[in-house]
Amino acid sequence: MSVDIDRLRERIDAPVVHHESIPSTNDVARAEGRDGSPHGTFVVADEQTAGRGRTGNVWASPPGGVWSSTLVRPDFDASHVADSRSRAASPPPKPSRRSAWTRD
């Protein structure tokens, strides 16, 4: 099963960048950010060949899933926000029913 990209674009009110197979949606989202893509740009792939989690753990992202990253551009000064390594000691937020943290 692959992503129905036309249907996804109809449902998401943001630019959608789709790839059949890429190393990492995070890397593509970062590149999109450097290139000036707007807040909310949604990067989705049918397969990741080098997917990794918030803490750098690598996991399989085979065809058949929906692997994604979203570009976030806060409209406030975020320089005071600690990086993920310093937040690692605190528990992650509870997942909603619609999404969940990956098990990294």
N, C-alpha and C. Protein backbone atom coordinates (compact mmCIF):
# COMPACT_ATOMS: atom_id res chain seq x y z
N MET A 1 0.84 -1.17 0.00
CA MET A 1 0.00 0.00 0.00
C MET A 1 0.89 1.24 0.00
N SER A 2 0.60 2.16 -0.88
CA SER A 2 1.33 3.41 -0.88
C SER A 2 0.37 4.55 -0.55
N VAL A 3 0.94 5.70 -0.32
CA VAL A 3 0.16 6.87 0.03
C VAL A 3 -0.66 7.32 -1.18
N ASP A 4 -1.93 7.60 -0.97
CA ASP A 4 -2.75 8.22 -2.01
C ASP A 4 -2.48 9.72 -1.94
N ILE A 5 -1.49 10.17 -2.69
CA ILE A 5 -0.99 11.53 -2.55
C ILE A 5 -2.04 12.57 -2.92
N ASP A 6 -2.88 12.30 -3.92
CA ASP A 6 -3.91 13.27 -4.29
C ASP A 6 -4.92 13.45 -3.16
N ARG A 7 -5.33 12.36 -2.56
CA ARG A 7 -6.28 12.44 -1.44
C ARG A 7 -5.64 13.14 -0.24
N LEU A 8 -4.37 12.84 0.02
CA LEU A 8 -3.67 13.48 1.13
C LEU A 8 -3.60 14.99 0.92
N ARG A 9 -3.29 15.42 -0.28
CA ARG A 9 -3.20 16.86 -0.57
C ARG A 9 -4.55 17.54 -0.42
N GLU A 10 -5.64 16.83 -0.71
CA GLU A 10 -6.98 17.39 -0.52
C GLU A 10 -7.29 17.61 0.96
N ARG A 11 -6.74 16.77 1.83
CA ARG A 11 -7.08 16.78 3.25
C ARG A 11 -6.14 17.61 4.12
N ILE A 12 -4.95 17.91 3.63
CA ILE A 12 -3.97 18.64 4.43
C ILE A 12 -3.85 20.05 3.89
N ASP A 13 -4.04 21.02 4.77
CA ASP A 13 -3.98 22.42 4.39
C ASP A 13 -2.55 22.94 4.55
N ALA A 14 -1.65 22.31 3.82
CA ALA A 14 -0.23 22.68 3.84
C ALA A 14 0.42 22.01 2.64
N PRO A 15 1.58 22.50 2.23
CA PRO A 15 2.28 21.84 1.14
C PRO A 15 2.63 20.39 1.52
N VAL A 16 2.48 19.49 0.58
CA VAL A 16 2.81 18.08 0.79
C VAL A 16 3.93 17.70 -0.17
N VAL A 17 5.01 17.15 0.40
CA VAL A 17 6.14 16.68 -0.38
C VAL A 17 6.16 15.16 -0.26
N HIS A 18 5.97 14.46 -1.37
CA HIS A 18 5.88 13.00 -1.34
C HIS A 18 7.04 12.36 -2.08
N HIS A 19 7.58 11.30 -1.48
CA HIS A 19 8.62 10.49 -2.11
C HIS A 19 8.24 9.03 -1.93
N GLU A 20 8.50 8.23 -2.95
CA GLU A 20 8.25 6.79 -2.79
C GLU A 20 9.24 6.20 -1.80
N SER A 21 10.52 6.56 -1.95
CA SER A 21 11.56 6.03 -1.06
C SER A 21 12.63 7.10 -0.86
N ILE A 22 12.93 7.39 0.41
CA ILE A 22 13.98 8.35 0.75
C ILE A 22 14.70 7.85 1.99
N PRO A 23 15.92 8.35 2.24
CA PRO A 23 16.60 7.94 3.46
C PRO A 23 15.84 8.35 4.72
N SER A 24 15.42 9.63 4.82
CA SER A 24 14.80 10.11 6.05
C SER A 24 13.87 11.28 5.75
N THR A 25 12.63 11.21 6.23
CA THR A 25 11.71 12.35 6.07
C THR A 25 12.22 13.55 6.87
N ASN A 26 12.89 13.31 7.99
CA ASN A 26 13.45 14.42 8.79
C ASN A 26 14.48 15.20 7.98
N ASP A 27 15.36 14.49 7.28
CA ASP A 27 16.37 15.17 6.48
C ASP A 27 15.74 16.00 5.37
N VAL A 28 14.71 15.46 4.73
CA VAL A 28 14.04 16.20 3.66
C VAL A 28 13.31 17.41 4.24
N ALA A 29 12.66 17.26 5.40
CA ALA A 29 11.98 18.39 6.03
C ALA A 29 12.97 19.50 6.39
N ARG A 30 14.15 19.13 6.90
CA ARG A 30 15.18 20.13 7.20
C ARG A 30 15.61 20.87 5.93
N ALA A 31 15.81 20.11 4.86
CA ALA A 31 16.20 20.74 3.59
C ALA A 31 15.10 21.66 3.08
N GLU A 32 13.85 21.23 3.20
CA GLU A 32 12.73 22.08 2.81
C GLU A 32 12.73 23.38 3.62
N GLY A 33 13.02 23.27 4.91
CA GLY A 33 13.10 24.45 5.76
C GLY A 33 14.19 25.39 5.33
N ARG A 34 15.36 24.85 5.03
CA ARG A 34 16.48 25.69 4.57
C ARG A 34 16.14 26.37 3.25
N ASP A 35 15.32 25.71 2.41
CA ASP A 35 14.94 26.26 1.11
C ASP A 35 13.76 27.22 1.19
N GLY A 36 13.24 27.46 2.41
CA GLY A 36 12.20 28.45 2.59
C GLY A 36 10.77 27.93 2.57
N SER A 37 10.57 26.63 2.62
CA SER A 37 9.21 26.10 2.66
C SER A 37 8.47 26.61 3.88
N PRO A 38 7.15 26.78 3.77
CA PRO A 38 6.39 27.37 4.86
C PRO A 38 6.10 26.41 6.01
N HIS A 39 5.69 27.00 7.12
CA HIS A 39 5.24 26.25 8.29
C HIS A 39 4.18 25.22 7.86
N GLY A 40 4.29 24.03 8.40
CA GLY A 40 3.31 22.99 8.14
C GLY A 40 3.63 22.10 6.96
N THR A 41 4.70 22.40 6.22
CA THR A 41 5.05 21.54 5.09
C THR A 41 5.15 20.11 5.59
N PHE A 42 4.46 19.22 4.90
CA PHE A 42 4.33 17.83 5.32
C PHE A 42 5.13 16.97 4.36
N VAL A 43 6.14 16.28 4.87
CA VAL A 43 6.98 15.39 4.07
C VAL A 43 6.56 13.96 4.37
N VAL A 44 6.20 13.23 3.34
CA VAL A 44 5.71 11.86 3.52
C VAL A 44 6.40 10.93 2.52
N ALA A 45 6.66 9.71 2.98
CA ALA A 45 7.31 8.72 2.14
C ALA A 45 6.64 7.37 2.32
N ASP A 46 6.66 6.58 1.27
CA ASP A 46 6.16 5.21 1.35
C ASP A 46 7.17 4.31 2.05
N GLU A 47 8.44 4.70 2.00
CA GLU A 47 9.52 3.92 2.62
C GLU A 47 10.65 4.86 3.01
N GLN A 48 11.25 4.60 4.17
CA GLN A 48 12.48 5.28 4.58
C GLN A 48 13.58 4.23 4.65
N THR A 49 14.73 4.55 4.12
CA THR A 49 15.84 3.60 4.15
C THR A 49 16.81 3.87 5.29
N ALA A 50 16.69 5.04 5.93
CA ALA A 50 17.56 5.38 7.06
C ALA A 50 16.77 6.18 8.09
N GLY A 51 15.56 5.73 8.41
CA GLY A 51 14.73 6.41 9.39
C GLY A 51 15.37 6.36 10.77
N ARG A 52 15.10 7.40 11.57
CA ARG A 52 15.63 7.42 12.92
C ARG A 52 14.69 8.25 13.80
N GLY A 53 14.80 8.02 15.07
CA GLY A 53 13.92 8.67 16.03
C GLY A 53 14.51 9.92 16.63
N ARG A 54 13.78 10.46 17.60
CA ARG A 54 14.19 11.69 18.26
C ARG A 54 15.54 11.54 18.95
N THR A 55 15.86 10.35 19.42
CA THR A 55 17.12 10.14 20.14
C THR A 55 18.19 9.51 19.25
N GLY A 56 17.92 9.43 17.94
CA GLY A 56 18.92 8.91 17.02
C GLY A 56 18.82 7.42 16.76
N ASN A 57 17.94 6.72 17.45
CA ASN A 57 17.80 5.29 17.20
C ASN A 57 17.29 5.05 15.79
N VAL A 58 17.81 4.02 15.16
CA VAL A 58 17.42 3.69 13.79
C VAL A 58 16.36 2.60 13.83
N TRP A 59 15.40 2.68 12.93
CA TRP A 59 14.41 1.62 12.83
C TRP A 59 14.00 1.41 11.40
N ALA A 60 13.39 0.28 11.14
CA ALA A 60 12.93 -0.07 9.80
C ALA A 60 11.67 0.71 9.47
N SER A 61 11.61 1.23 8.27
CA SER A 61 10.44 1.96 7.78
C SER A 61 10.11 1.41 6.40
N PRO A 62 9.64 0.15 6.36
CA PRO A 62 9.45 -0.52 5.08
C PRO A 62 8.24 -0.01 4.30
N PRO A 63 8.16 -0.34 3.02
CA PRO A 63 6.98 0.01 2.25
C PRO A 63 5.73 -0.56 2.93
N GLY A 64 4.64 0.17 2.80
CA GLY A 64 3.39 -0.28 3.42
C GLY A 64 2.97 0.59 4.57
N GLY A 65 3.87 1.43 5.07
CA GLY A 65 3.54 2.37 6.14
C GLY A 65 3.44 3.77 5.58
N VAL A 66 3.16 4.70 6.45
CA VAL A 66 3.17 6.11 6.08
C VAL A 66 4.16 6.79 7.02
N TRP A 67 5.29 7.18 6.49
CA TRP A 67 6.37 7.75 7.27
C TRP A 67 6.42 9.24 6.97
N SER A 68 6.40 10.06 8.01
CA SER A 68 6.27 11.49 7.75
C SER A 68 7.00 12.37 8.77
N SER A 69 7.24 13.60 8.34
CA SER A 69 7.77 14.65 9.20
C SER A 69 7.06 15.94 8.80
N THR A 70 6.89 16.84 9.76
CA THR A 70 6.24 18.11 9.50
C THR A 70 7.17 19.25 9.87
N LEU A 71 7.31 20.20 8.96
CA LEU A 71 8.14 21.38 9.20
C LEU A 71 7.37 22.34 10.09
N VAL A 72 7.98 22.72 11.21
CA VAL A 72 7.33 23.64 12.15
C VAL A 72 8.19 24.90 12.25
N ARG A 73 7.55 26.02 12.00
CA ARG A 73 8.20 27.33 12.14
C ARG A 73 7.42 28.11 13.20
N PRO A 74 7.89 28.06 14.46
CA PRO A 74 7.16 28.76 15.52
C PRO A 74 7.12 30.26 15.25
N ASP A 75 6.03 30.90 15.66
CA ASP A 75 5.91 32.33 15.47
C ASP A 75 6.32 33.08 16.74
N PHE A 76 7.22 32.47 17.50
CA PHE A 76 7.76 33.09 18.71
C PHE A 76 9.24 32.75 18.79
N ASP A 77 9.98 33.47 19.62
CA ASP A 77 11.39 33.20 19.79
C ASP A 77 11.56 31.88 20.53
N ALA A 78 12.09 30.89 19.85
CA ALA A 78 12.24 29.57 20.45
C ALA A 78 13.67 29.30 20.92
N SER A 79 14.50 30.34 20.98
CA SER A 79 15.90 30.12 21.36
C SER A 79 16.04 29.64 22.79
N HIS A 80 15.04 29.86 23.63
CA HIS A 80 15.10 29.43 25.02
C HIS A 80 14.72 27.96 25.20
N VAL A 81 14.21 27.33 24.15
CA VAL A 81 13.76 25.94 24.25
C VAL A 81 14.98 25.03 24.24
N ALA A 82 15.04 24.13 25.21
CA ALA A 82 16.18 23.22 25.32
C ALA A 82 16.16 22.21 24.18
N ASP A 83 17.33 21.69 23.82
CA ASP A 83 17.35 20.67 22.77
C ASP A 83 16.88 19.34 23.33
N SER A 84 16.66 18.38 22.45
CA SER A 84 16.04 17.11 22.85
C SER A 84 16.91 16.31 23.82
N ARG A 85 18.23 16.50 23.78
CA ARG A 85 19.09 15.75 24.70
C ARG A 85 18.83 16.15 26.15
N SER A 86 18.60 17.44 26.38
CA SER A 86 18.36 17.85 27.76
C SER A 86 16.95 17.51 28.22
N ARG A 87 16.03 17.32 27.27
CA ARG A 87 14.67 16.93 27.63
C ARG A 87 14.53 15.41 27.78
N ALA A 88 15.55 14.66 27.41
CA ALA A 88 15.45 13.21 27.43
C ALA A 88 15.19 12.66 28.82
N ALA A 89 15.57 13.41 29.85
CA ALA A 89 15.36 12.93 31.22
C ALA A 89 13.90 13.01 31.64
N SER A 90 13.11 13.82 30.97
CA SER A 90 11.70 13.92 31.34
C SER A 90 10.88 13.00 30.45
N PRO A 91 9.75 12.50 30.96
CA PRO A 91 8.95 11.58 30.16
C PRO A 91 8.31 12.30 28.97
N PRO A 92 8.11 11.59 27.86
CA PRO A 92 7.48 12.21 26.70
C PRO A 92 6.00 12.49 26.98
N PRO A 93 5.41 13.40 26.23
CA PRO A 93 3.99 13.67 26.45
C PRO A 93 3.15 12.45 26.11
N LYS A 94 1.98 12.37 26.71
CA LYS A 94 1.10 11.25 26.42
C LYS A 94 0.58 11.38 25.00
N PRO A 95 0.58 10.28 24.23
CA PRO A 95 0.11 10.35 22.85
C PRO A 95 -1.40 10.56 22.79
N SER A 96 -1.83 11.21 21.74
CA SER A 96 -3.27 11.37 21.53
C SER A 96 -3.79 10.10 20.87
N ARG A 97 -5.08 10.03 20.69
CA ARG A 97 -5.66 8.87 20.02
C ARG A 97 -5.33 8.86 18.53
N ARG A 98 -5.01 10.02 17.98
CA ARG A 98 -4.76 10.14 16.55
C ARG A 98 -3.31 9.88 16.16
N SER A 99 -2.38 10.08 17.10
CA SER A 99 -0.98 9.87 16.78
C SER A 99 -0.24 9.41 18.02
N ALA A 100 0.92 8.85 17.81
CA ALA A 100 1.70 8.38 18.94
C ALA A 100 3.18 8.53 18.60
N TRP A 101 3.99 8.70 19.63
CA TRP A 101 5.44 8.74 19.43
C TRP A 101 5.89 7.39 18.94
N THR A 102 6.91 7.41 18.12
CA THR A 102 7.51 6.15 17.72
C THR A 102 8.24 5.55 18.90
N ARG A 103 8.48 4.29 18.87
CA ARG A 103 9.16 3.60 19.97
C ARG A 103 10.66 3.64 19.76
N ASP A 104 11.21 4.84 19.88
CA ASP A 104 12.66 4.97 19.70
C ASP A 104 13.31 5.19 21.03
